C-alpha atoms as a PDB file:
ATOM      1  CA  MET A   1       0.000   0.000   0.000  1.00  0.00           C
ATOM      2  CA  ALA A   2       1.082   3.605  -0.555  1.00  0.00           C
ATOM      3  CA  ALA A   3       0.302   4.440   3.055  1.00  0.00           C
ATOM      4  CA  THR A   4      -0.710   2.677   6.224  1.00  0.00           C
ATOM      5  CA  PRO A   5      -3.541   3.564   8.632  1.00  0.00           C
ATOM      6  CA  GLY A   6      -2.498   6.409  10.872  1.00  0.00           C
ATOM      7  CA  ASP A   7      -0.189   8.010   8.305  1.00  0.00           C
ATOM      8  CA  ALA A   8      -0.639  11.773   8.050  1.00  0.00           C
ATOM      9  CA  PRO A   9      -2.447  12.929   4.894  1.00  0.00           C
ATOM     10  CA  PRO A  10       0.005  13.736   2.088  1.00  0.00           C
ATOM     11  CA  THR A  11       0.883  17.375   1.521  1.00  0.00           C
ATOM     12  CA  PHE A  12       1.448  18.914  -1.902  1.00  0.00           C
ATOM     13  CA  GLU A  13       3.011  22.318  -2.388  1.00  0.00           C
ATOM     14  CA  GLN A  14       0.877  22.960  -5.468  1.00  0.00           C
ATOM     15  CA  LEU A  15      -2.376  22.758  -3.518  1.00  0.00           C
ATOM     16  CA  ARG A  16      -1.594  26.105  -1.874  1.00  0.00           C
ATOM     17  CA  TRP A  17      -2.770  27.773  -5.077  1.00  0.00           C
ATOM     18  CA  THR A  18      -5.260  25.256  -6.456  1.00  0.00           C
ATOM     19  CA  ALA A  19      -9.023  25.742  -6.671  1.00  0.00           C
ATOM     20  CA  PRO A  20     -10.978  23.520  -4.248  1.00  0.00           C
ATOM     21  CA  GLY A  21     -12.268  20.495  -6.107  1.00  0.00           C
ATOM     22  CA  SER A  22      -9.463  20.643  -8.676  1.00  0.00           C
ATOM     23  CA  GLU A  23      -6.822  18.905  -6.578  1.00  0.00           C
ATOM     24  CA  LEU A  24      -6.968  15.558  -8.370  1.00  0.00           C
ATOM     25  CA  ALA A  25      -7.179  17.155 -11.807  1.00  0.00           C
ATOM     26  CA  LEU A  26      -4.080  19.268 -11.177  1.00  0.00           C
ATOM     27  CA  LEU A  27      -1.971  16.572  -9.554  1.00  0.00           C
ATOM     28  CA  SER A  28      -2.819  13.778 -11.967  1.00  0.00           C
ATOM     29  CA  ALA A  29      -2.714  15.509 -15.370  1.00  0.00           C
ATOM     30  CA  GLN A  30      -0.918  18.343 -17.148  1.00  0.00           C
ATOM     31  CA  PRO A  31      -0.581  19.886 -20.598  1.00  0.00           C
ATOM     32  CA  ALA A  32       1.814  17.952 -22.788  1.00  0.00           C
ATOM     33  CA  SER A  33       5.230  19.545 -23.250  1.00  0.00           C
ATOM     34  CA  CYS A  34       6.247  20.316 -26.820  1.00  0.00           C
ATOM     35  CA  LEU A  35       9.277  22.416 -27.682  1.00  0.00           C
ATOM     36  CA  ALA A  36      10.762  23.585 -30.952  1.00  0.00           C
ATOM     37  CA  SER A  37      14.222  22.528 -29.769  1.00  0.00           C
ATOM     38  CA  SER A  38      16.005  20.540 -27.078  1.00  0.00           C
ATOM     39  CA  ASP A  39      19.022  22.840 -27.219  1.00  0.00           C
ATOM     40  CA  PRO A  40      20.905  23.113 -23.890  1.00  0.00           C
ATOM     41  CA  LEU A  41      19.861  26.747 -23.521  1.00  0.00           C
ATOM     42  CA  VAL A  42      16.195  25.767 -23.921  1.00  0.00           C
ATOM     43  CA  ARG A  43      16.584  23.105 -21.266  1.00  0.00           C
ATOM     44  CA  SER A  44      18.439  25.503 -18.989  1.00  0.00           C
ATOM     45  CA  GLY A  45      15.578  27.975 -19.320  1.00  0.00           C
ATOM     46  CA  ARG A  46      13.018  25.296 -18.595  1.00  0.00           C
ATOM     47  CA  ALA A  47      14.847  24.435 -15.368  1.00  0.00           C
ATOM     48  CA  LEU A  48      14.885  28.080 -14.256  1.00  0.00           C
ATOM     49  CA  PHE A  49      11.226  28.471 -15.230  1.00  0.00           C
ATOM     50  CA  GLY A  50      10.302  25.828 -12.664  1.00  0.00           C
ATOM     51  CA  VAL A  51      12.214  27.067  -9.606  1.00  0.00           C
ATOM     52  CA  PRO A  52      10.503  29.410  -7.087  1.00  0.00           C
ATOM     53  CA  THR A  53      13.806  31.045  -6.106  1.00  0.00           C
ATOM     54  CA  LEU A  54      13.854  32.849  -9.452  1.00  0.00           C
ATOM     55  CA  LEU A  55      10.844  34.974  -8.500  1.00  0.00           C
ATOM     56  CA  GLY A  56      11.884  35.651  -4.926  1.00  0.00           C
ATOM     57  CA  GLY A  57       9.768  37.546  -2.401  1.00  0.00           C
ATOM     58  CA  GLN A  58       6.351  36.286  -1.385  1.00  0.00           C
ATOM     59  CA  ALA A  59       6.088  34.119  -4.493  1.00  0.00           C
ATOM     60  CA  ALA A  60       9.154  32.110  -3.507  1.00  0.00           C
ATOM     61  CA  LYS A  61       7.916  31.812   0.076  1.00  0.00           C
ATOM     62  CA  ALA A  62       4.671  30.349  -1.248  1.00  0.00           C
ATOM     63  CA  GLY A  63       6.585  27.977  -3.526  1.00  0.00           C
ATOM     64  CA  LEU A  64       5.383  29.688  -6.702  1.00  0.00           C
ATOM     65  CA  SER A  65       7.441  29.513  -9.867  1.00  0.00           C
ATOM     66  CA  CYS A  66       6.737  30.601 -13.435  1.00  0.00           C
ATOM     67  CA  ALA A  67       5.620  27.019 -14.064  1.00  0.00           C
ATOM     68  CA  SER A  68       2.994  27.220 -11.320  1.00  0.00           C
ATOM     69  CA  CYS A  69       0.850  29.436 -13.554  1.00  0.00           C
ATOM     70  CA  HIS A  70       2.259  28.184 -16.869  1.00  0.00           C
ATOM     71  CA  ILE A  71       2.429  24.393 -16.578  1.00  0.00           C
ATOM     72  CA  ASN A  72       4.871  23.164 -19.213  1.00  0.00           C
ATOM     73  CA  GLY A  73       4.752  26.707 -20.553  1.00  0.00           C
ATOM     74  CA  ARG A  74       1.018  26.542 -21.164  1.00  0.00           C
ATOM     75  CA  ASP A  75      -1.673  27.735 -18.741  1.00  0.00           C
ATOM     76  CA  ASN A  76      -3.155  26.506 -15.463  1.00  0.00           C
ATOM     77  CA  PRO A  77      -6.970  26.602 -15.334  1.00  0.00           C
ATOM     78  CA  HIS A  78      -6.865  25.352 -11.727  1.00  0.00           C
ATOM     79  CA  PHE A  79      -4.741  28.193 -10.325  1.00  0.00           C
ATOM     80  CA  LEU A  80      -6.514  30.013  -7.508  1.00  0.00           C
ATOM     81  CA  LEU A  81      -4.731  32.124  -4.901  1.00  0.00           C
ATOM     82  CA  SER A  82      -6.694  34.176  -2.402  1.00  0.00           C
ATOM     83  CA  GLY A  83      -6.318  37.897  -3.002  1.00  0.00           C
ATOM     84  CA  VAL A  84      -4.602  37.276  -6.341  1.00  0.00           C
ATOM     85  CA  SER A  85      -7.223  35.348  -8.347  1.00  0.00           C
ATOM     86  CA  SER A  86     -10.851  36.286  -9.041  1.00  0.00           C
ATOM     87  CA  ALA A  87     -11.634  32.860 -10.491  1.00  0.00           C
ATOM     88  CA  PRO A  88      -9.685  29.693 -11.275  1.00  0.00           C
ATOM     89  CA  GLY A  89      -7.142  30.302 -14.014  1.00  0.00           C
ATOM     90  CA  THR A  90      -6.682  34.012 -13.272  1.00  0.00           C
ATOM     91  CA  ALA A  91      -4.031  36.085 -11.501  1.00  0.00           C
ATOM     92  CA  ASP A  92      -3.375  39.727 -10.693  1.00  0.00           C
ATOM     93  CA  VAL A  93       0.396  40.055 -11.096  1.00  0.00           C
ATOM     94  CA  SER A  94       0.264  43.778 -10.313  1.00  0.00           C
ATOM     95  CA  ASN A  95      -0.876  42.864  -6.810  1.00  0.00           C
ATOM     96  CA  SER A  96       1.136  44.174  -3.857  1.00  0.00           C
ATOM     97  CA  PHE A  97       1.168  40.616  -2.477  1.00  0.00           C
ATOM     98  CA  PHE A  98       4.011  39.957  -4.899  1.00  0.00           C
ATOM     99  CA  SER A  99       5.762  43.321  -4.996  1.00  0.00           C
ATOM    100  CA  ALA A 100       5.049  46.843  -3.787  1.00  0.00           C
ATOM    101  CA  ALA A 101       6.988  48.159  -6.785  1.00  0.00           C
ATOM    102  CA  ARG A 102       4.203  47.233  -9.211  1.00  0.00           C
ATOM    103  CA  GLY A 103       1.222  47.222  -6.854  1.00  0.00           C
ATOM    104  CA  ASN A 104      -1.418  49.378  -8.554  1.00  0.00           C
ATOM    105  CA  ALA A 105      -3.994  49.356  -5.711  1.00  0.00           C
ATOM    106  CA  ARG A 106      -6.505  47.714  -8.042  1.00  0.00           C
ATOM    107  CA  PHE A 107      -7.754  44.154  -8.060  1.00  0.00           C
ATOM    108  CA  ASP A 108      -7.585  43.355 -11.750  1.00  0.00           C
ATOM    109  CA  PRO A 109      -6.823  39.683 -12.372  1.00  0.00           C
ATOM    110  CA  VAL A 110      -6.457  38.491 -15.950  1.00  0.00           C
ATOM    111  CA  VAL A 111      -6.696  35.032 -17.486  1.00  0.00           C
ATOM    112  CA  ILE A 112      -3.335  33.255 -17.275  1.00  0.00           C
ATOM    113  CA  PRO A 113      -2.035  33.141 -20.858  1.00  0.00           C
ATOM    114  CA  ASP A 114      -0.924  30.057 -22.741  1.00  0.00           C
ATOM    115  CA  LEU A 115       2.666  30.791 -23.754  1.00  0.00           C
ATOM    116  CA  ALA A 116       2.365  28.579 -26.816  1.00  0.00           C
ATOM    117  CA  MET A 117       0.049  31.219 -28.258  1.00  0.00           C
ATOM    118  CA  PRO A 118       1.095  34.657 -29.594  1.00  0.00           C
ATOM    119  CA  GLY A 119       1.200  37.274 -26.852  1.00  0.00           C
ATOM    120  CA  LYS A 120       1.559  41.016 -26.442  1.00  0.00           C
ATOM    121  CA  ILE A 121       5.363  40.771 -26.436  1.00  0.00           C
ATOM    122  CA  SER A 122       7.166  39.834 -29.634  1.00  0.00           C
ATOM    123  CA  ARG A 123       8.937  36.470 -29.565  1.00  0.00           C
ATOM    124  CA  ASP A 124      11.156  37.443 -32.515  1.00  0.00           C
ATOM    125  CA  VAL A 125      14.703  36.761 -31.392  1.00  0.00           C
ATOM    126  CA  ARG A 126      15.947  39.664 -33.560  1.00  0.00           C
ATOM    127  CA  GLU A 127      13.860  42.197 -31.645  1.00  0.00           C
ATOM    128  CA  LYS A 128      15.058  41.092 -28.187  1.00  0.00           C
ATOM    129  CA  ALA A 129      11.818  42.335 -26.607  1.00  0.00           C
ATOM    130  CA  LEU A 130      11.283  39.244 -24.484  1.00  0.00           C
ATOM    131  CA  GLU A 131      14.405  39.546 -22.341  1.00  0.00           C
ATOM    132  CA  PRO A 132      13.623  42.984 -20.821  1.00  0.00           C
ATOM    133  CA  PHE A 133       9.994  41.952 -20.373  1.00  0.00           C
ATOM    134  CA  LEU A 134      11.018  38.871 -18.388  1.00  0.00           C
ATOM    135  CA  ARG A 135      13.437  40.962 -16.357  1.00  0.00           C
ATOM    136  CA  THR A 136      10.606  43.363 -15.447  1.00  0.00           C
ATOM    137  CA  LEU A 137       8.376  40.463 -14.415  1.00  0.00           C
ATOM    138  CA  ILE A 138      11.031  38.987 -12.133  1.00  0.00           C
ATOM    139  CA  VAL A 139      12.382  42.156 -10.546  1.00  0.00           C
ATOM    140  CA  GLU A 140       9.401  44.510 -10.470  1.00  0.00           C
ATOM    141  CA  GLU A 141       6.263  42.376 -10.503  1.00  0.00           C
ATOM    142  CA  PHE A 142       7.593  39.663  -8.198  1.00  0.00           C
ATOM    143  CA  GLY A 143      10.391  41.402  -6.297  1.00  0.00           C
ATOM    144  CA  GLY A 144      13.013  38.869  -7.308  1.00  0.00           C
ATOM    145  CA  ALA A 145      16.771  39.383  -7.503  1.00  0.00           C
ATOM    146  CA  GLU A 146      18.236  40.906 -10.640  1.00  0.00           C
ATOM    147  CA  PRO A 147      18.705  38.025 -13.112  1.00  0.00           C
ATOM    148  CA  SER A 148      21.934  37.735 -15.031  1.00  0.00           C
ATOM    149  CA  ALA A 149      22.125  38.136 -18.791  1.00  0.00           C
ATOM    150  CA  SER A 150      22.701  34.383 -19.132  1.00  0.00           C
ATOM    151  CA  MET A 151      19.619  33.574 -17.070  1.00  0.00           C
ATOM    152  CA  LEU A 152      17.444  35.923 -19.138  1.00  0.00           C
ATOM    153  CA  ASP A 153      18.882  34.454 -22.331  1.00  0.00           C
ATOM    154  CA  ALA A 154      17.983  30.935 -21.172  1.00  0.00           C
ATOM    155  CA  LEU A 155      14.471  31.891 -20.034  1.00  0.00           C
ATOM    156  CA  ALA A 156      13.706  33.786 -23.246  1.00  0.00           C
ATOM    157  CA  THR A 157      15.053  30.946 -25.374  1.00  0.00           C
ATOM    158  CA  TYR A 158      12.791  28.494 -23.551  1.00  0.00           C
ATOM    159  CA  VAL A 159       9.687  30.674 -23.894  1.00  0.00           C
ATOM    160  CA  ARG A 160      10.367  31.147 -27.605  1.00  0.00           C
ATOM    161  CA  ALA A 161      10.594  27.354 -27.987  1.00  0.00           C
ATOM    162  CA  ILE A 162       7.185  26.547 -26.410  1.00  0.00           C
ATOM    163  CA  ARG A 163       4.748  25.051 -28.903  1.00  0.00           C
ATOM    164  CA  ARG A 164       1.301  23.478 -28.897  1.00  0.00           C
ATOM    165  CA  CYS A 165       1.312  19.706 -29.159  1.00  0.00           C
ATOM    166  CA  ASN A 166      -0.492  17.643 -31.765  1.00  0.00           C
ATOM    167  CA  PRO A 167      -2.684  16.185 -30.418  1.00  0.00           C
ATOM    168  CA  ASP A 168      -2.990  18.940 -27.828  1.00  0.00           C
ATOM    169  CA  ALA A 169      -4.367  16.875 -24.960  1.00  0.00           C
ATOM    170  CA  PRO A 170      -3.487  16.494 -21.266  1.00  0.00           C
ATOM    171  CA  VAL A 171      -1.039  13.786 -20.248  1.00  0.00           C
ATOM    172  CA  ALA A 172      -0.476  12.023 -16.929  1.00  0.00           C
ATOM    173  CA  ARG A 173       2.018  13.318 -14.386  1.00  0.00           C
ATOM    174  CA  THR A 174       4.751  10.752 -13.778  1.00  0.00           C
ATOM    175  CA  LEU A 175       8.080  10.296 -12.046  1.00  0.00           C
ATOM    176  CA  SER A 176       9.758  10.894 -15.397  1.00  0.00           C
ATOM    177  CA  ASP A 177       8.565  14.527 -15.291  1.00  0.00           C
ATOM    178  CA  GLN A 178      10.684  15.285 -12.239  1.00  0.00           C
ATOM    179  CA  LEU A 179      13.591  13.188 -13.511  1.00  0.00           C
ATOM    180  CA  ARG A 180      13.517  15.235 -16.708  1.00  0.00           C
ATOM    181  CA  GLY A 181      13.518  18.375 -14.573  1.00  0.00           C
ATOM    182  CA  ILE A 182      16.611  17.119 -12.759  1.00  0.00           C
ATOM    183  CA  ASP A 183      18.296  16.442 -16.103  1.00  0.00           C
ATOM    184  CA  ASP A 184      17.383  19.979 -17.209  1.00  0.00           C
ATOM    185  CA  GLY A 185      18.904  21.379 -14.025  1.00  0.00           C
ATOM    186  CA  MET A 186      22.106  19.497 -14.705  1.00  0.00           C
ATOM    187  CA  VAL A 187      22.229  20.861 -18.257  1.00  0.00           C
ATOM    188  CA  GLY A 188      21.502  24.316 -16.856  1.00  0.00           C
ATOM    189  CA  SER A 189      24.318  24.027 -14.312  1.00  0.00           C
ATOM    190  CA  ALA A 190      26.784  23.056 -17.034  1.00  0.00           C
ATOM    191  CA  THR A 191      25.562  25.856 -19.297  1.00  0.00           C
ATOM    192  CA  MET A 192      25.907  28.465 -16.564  1.00  0.00           C
ATOM    193  CA  LEU A 193      29.321  27.141 -15.580  1.00  0.00           C
ATOM    194  CA  GLU A 194      30.487  27.530 -19.169  1.00  0.00           C
ATOM    195  CA  ARG A 195      29.291  31.133 -19.092  1.00  0.00           C
ATOM    196  CA  GLY A 196      30.919  31.852 -15.750  1.00  0.00           C
ATOM    197  CA  ASP A 197      27.535  32.679 -14.200  1.00  0.00           C
ATOM    198  CA  ALA A 198      27.728  31.722 -10.516  1.00  0.00           C
ATOM    199  CA  ALA A 199      24.174  32.946  -9.796  1.00  0.00           C
ATOM    200  CA  GLY A 200      22.877  30.854 -12.689  1.00  0.00           C
ATOM    201  CA  VAL A 201      24.660  27.786 -11.329  1.00  0.00           C
ATOM    202  CA  ARG A 202      23.102  28.299  -7.898  1.00  0.00           C
ATOM    203  CA  LEU A 203      19.641  28.680  -9.373  1.00  0.00           C
ATOM    204  CA  SER A 204      20.085  25.577 -11.520  1.00  0.00           C
ATOM    205  CA  ILE A 205      21.069  23.588  -8.431  1.00  0.00           C
ATOM    206  CA  ALA A 206      18.016  24.994  -6.635  1.00  0.00           C
ATOM    207  CA  ALA A 207      15.906  23.789  -9.562  1.00  0.00           C
ATOM    208  CA  ILE A 208      17.241  20.250  -9.118  1.00  0.00           C
ATOM    209  CA  ARG A 209      16.549  20.316  -5.390  1.00  0.00           C
ATOM    210  CA  HIS A 210      13.017  21.564  -6.023  1.00  0.00           C
ATOM    211  CA  GLN A 211      12.356  18.575  -8.284  1.00  0.00           C
ATOM    212  CA  LEU A 212      13.632  16.243  -5.565  1.00  0.00           C
ATOM    213  CA  GLY A 213      11.053  17.778  -3.228  1.00  0.00           C
ATOM    214  CA  LEU A 214       8.258  17.228  -5.745  1.00  0.00           C
ATOM    215  CA  ILE A 215       9.252  13.569  -6.014  1.00  0.00           C
ATOM    216  CA  SER A 216       9.240  13.180  -2.246  1.00  0.00           C
ATOM    217  CA  GLU A 217       5.625  14.376  -2.067  1.00  0.00           C
ATOM    218  CA  ARG A 218       4.567  11.363  -4.124  1.00  0.00           C
ATOM    219  CA  TYR A 219       6.098   8.836  -1.727  1.00  0.00           C
ATOM    220  CA  PRO A 220       4.360   9.520   1.616  1.00  0.00           C
ATOM    221  CA  GLY A 221       3.759   7.343   4.628  1.00  0.00           C
ATOM    222  CA  ALA A 222       5.576   4.570   6.418  1.00  0.00           C
ATOM    223  CA  GLY A 223       5.885   2.472   3.270  1.00  0.00           C
ATOM    224  CA  PHE A 224       8.323   4.879   1.614  1.00  0.00           C
ATOM    225  CA  VAL A 225      10.587   5.951   4.477  1.00  0.00           C
ATOM    226  CA  GLY A 226      13.698   4.741   2.662  1.00  0.00           C
ATOM    227  CA  GLU A 227      12.842   6.532  -0.579  1.00  0.00           C
ATOM    228  CA  ARG A 228      12.231   9.838   1.195  1.00  0.00           C
ATOM    229  CA  ALA A 229      15.438   9.459   3.178  1.00  0.00           C
ATOM    230  CA  GLY A 230      17.343   8.892  -0.055  1.00  0.00           C
ATOM    231  CA  LEU A 231      15.814  11.982  -1.635  1.00  0.00           C
ATOM    232  CA  LEU A 232      16.624  14.102   1.406  1.00  0.00           C
ATOM    233  CA  SER A 233      20.186  12.825   1.412  1.00  0.00           C
ATOM    234  CA  ALA A 234      20.513  13.633  -2.305  1.00  0.00           C
ATOM    235  CA  SER A 235      19.233  17.163  -1.717  1.00  0.00           C
ATOM    236  CA  ARG A 236      21.624  17.737   1.167  1.00  0.00           C
ATOM    237  CA  ALA A 237      24.504  16.475  -0.952  1.00  0.00           C
ATOM    238  CA  LEU A 238      23.642  19.083  -3.590  1.00  0.00           C
ATOM    239  CA  GLN A 239      23.509  21.756  -0.919  1.00  0.00           C
ATOM    240  CA  ALA A 240      26.962  20.724   0.260  1.00  0.00           C
ATOM    241  CA  ILE A 241      28.309  20.947  -3.295  1.00  0.00           C
ATOM    242  CA  GLU A 242      26.918  24.461  -3.639  1.00  0.00           C
ATOM    243  CA  GLU A 243      28.132  25.579  -0.229  1.00  0.00           C
ATOM    244  CA  GLY A 244      31.538  24.148  -1.053  1.00  0.00           C
ATOM    245  CA  GLY A 245      31.918  27.121  -3.354  1.00  0.00           C
ATOM    246  CA  VAL A 246      30.297  27.962  -6.677  1.00  0.00           C
ATOM    247  CA  ASP A 247      32.272  31.152  -7.288  1.00  0.00           C
ATOM    248  CA  GLY A 248      35.396  30.313  -9.232  1.00  0.00           C
ATOM    249  CA  ASN A 249      35.369  26.677  -8.155  1.00  0.00           C
ATOM    250  CA  SER A 250      36.510  24.487 -11.035  1.00  0.00           C
ATOM    251  CA  ASP A 251      35.592  21.357  -9.068  1.00  0.00           C
ATOM    252  CA  ILE A 252      31.853  21.981  -8.980  1.00  0.00           C
ATOM    253  CA  GLY A 253      31.210  20.559 -12.455  1.00  0.00           C
ATOM    254  CA  PRO A 254      32.833  17.188 -11.691  1.00  0.00           C
ATOM    255  CA  ALA A 255      31.164  17.161  -8.255  1.00  0.00           C
ATOM    256  CA  LEU A 256      27.737  17.641  -9.834  1.00  0.00           C
ATOM    257  CA  ARG A 257      28.406  14.917 -12.392  1.00  0.00           C
ATOM    258  CA  ARG A 258      29.447  12.526  -9.613  1.00  0.00           C
ATOM    259  CA  TRP A 259      26.283  13.400  -7.718  1.00  0.00           C
ATOM    260  CA  LYS A 260      24.154  12.710 -10.791  1.00  0.00           C
ATOM    261  CA  GLY A 261      25.876   9.402 -11.486  1.00  0.00           C
ATOM    262  CA  ASP A 262      25.283   8.268  -7.916  1.00  0.00           C
ATOM    263  CA  PHE A 263      21.657   9.457  -8.014  1.00  0.00           C
ATOM    264  CA  ASP A 264      20.957   7.622 -11.286  1.00  0.00           C
ATOM    265  CA  ARG A 265      22.655   4.459 -10.114  1.00  0.00           C
ATOM    266  CA  ARG A 266      21.371   4.192  -6.567  1.00  0.00           C
ATOM    267  CA  LEU A 267      18.076   6.032  -6.179  1.00  0.00           C
ATOM    268  CA  VAL A 268      16.368   6.313  -9.560  1.00  0.00           C
ATOM    269  CA  PRO A 269      15.895   2.530 -10.049  1.00  0.00           C
ATOM    270  CA  ARG A 270      14.480   2.263  -6.539  1.00  0.00           C
ATOM    271  CA  LEU A 271      11.968   5.062  -7.179  1.00  0.00           C
ATOM    272  CA  GLN A 272      10.988   3.543 -10.507  1.00  0.00           C
ATOM    273  CA  ARG A 273      10.407   0.110  -8.984  1.00  0.00           C
ATOM    274  CA  VAL A 274       7.825   1.447  -6.551  1.00  0.00           C
ATOM    275  CA  GLU A 275       6.290   4.168  -8.726  1.00  0.00           C
ATOM    276  CA  GLY A 276       3.235   1.956  -9.237  1.00  0.00           C
ATOM    277  CA  ARG A 277       2.563   2.053  -5.491  1.00  0.00           C
ATOM    278  CA  SER A 278       3.204   5.782  -5.159  1.00  0.00           C
ATOM    279  CA  LEU A 279       0.904   8.779  -5.512  1.00  0.00           C
ATOM    280  CA  TYR A 280       1.862   9.091  -9.151  1.00  0.00           C
ATOM    281  CA  ARG A 281      -0.843   6.440  -9.575  1.00  0.00           C
ATOM    282  CA  GLU A 282      -4.098   8.315 -10.078  1.00  0.00           C
ATOM    283  CA  ASP A 283      -6.286   5.836  -8.156  1.00  0.00           C
ATOM    284  CA  ARG A 284      -3.978   5.937  -5.141  1.00  0.00           C
ATOM    285  CA  LEU A 285      -3.739   9.709  -5.379  1.00  0.00           C
ATOM    286  CA  ALA A 286      -7.538  10.001  -5.434  1.00  0.00           C
ATOM    287  CA  ARG A 287      -7.828   7.909  -2.267  1.00  0.00           C
ATOM    288  CA  ALA A 288      -5.128   9.908  -0.516  1.00  0.00           C
ATOM    289  CA  LEU A 289      -6.854  13.199  -1.301  1.00  0.00           C
ATOM    290  CA  ARG A 290     -10.196  12.167   0.223  1.00  0.00           C
END
């Protein structure tokens, strides 16, 4: 069984901003991910897109990332945050909850856009309009730290690569989603190391650790104590690598690759073996949410 009697109900970070009654829909399905390219810069941007630390401020404290509203770069019809949303699938990003810098003293939520569709900002790489727009979102609308040029380049490259899928239908959430996110974070770390961007490396490592936390949520209860312990140990090992010195440390790349090799060899097969008993299984998830 995924849990035993007396286990505490599972907790999911995403339910902090999910409309009541939509919990199962959000946690069991998602828009399919389709990208124009799998270039390392696209993957680096996708990793940054999914980490709350990028936005900073109240958003980061709540666990919100760009991907919270734009799942796989698309939309999120289940998003509902008190004081920020007027209805599911809407958000007021000029709300002082996120940042006083852009708070307009009006409650004016808008429908969360699907980034696979044309928007008000040109995606033409020659115009370079997307990078300053993303910078404004991060720094002014959300109160985040100033992103580096490399981070903005990666984020803009990812957004430009988002496409609709054919068929454009929801797909199940699986362990492979988070494992892909970890792979993206590794690619992002290497990309930022090549560019000498210490802040980008730190954020890429944070993205990996965030994915480890999302995996842990799916393995609750007494039946998965070992799996959660392994995930916690892996996260702490990443923290130690980062704290060992990102700035100017030529050893961090090899250390990250050793970490990934150990993670893939020791923990991934174990998680995959018991995925069918975890809360990635929709029927087990539905029972746990009752």
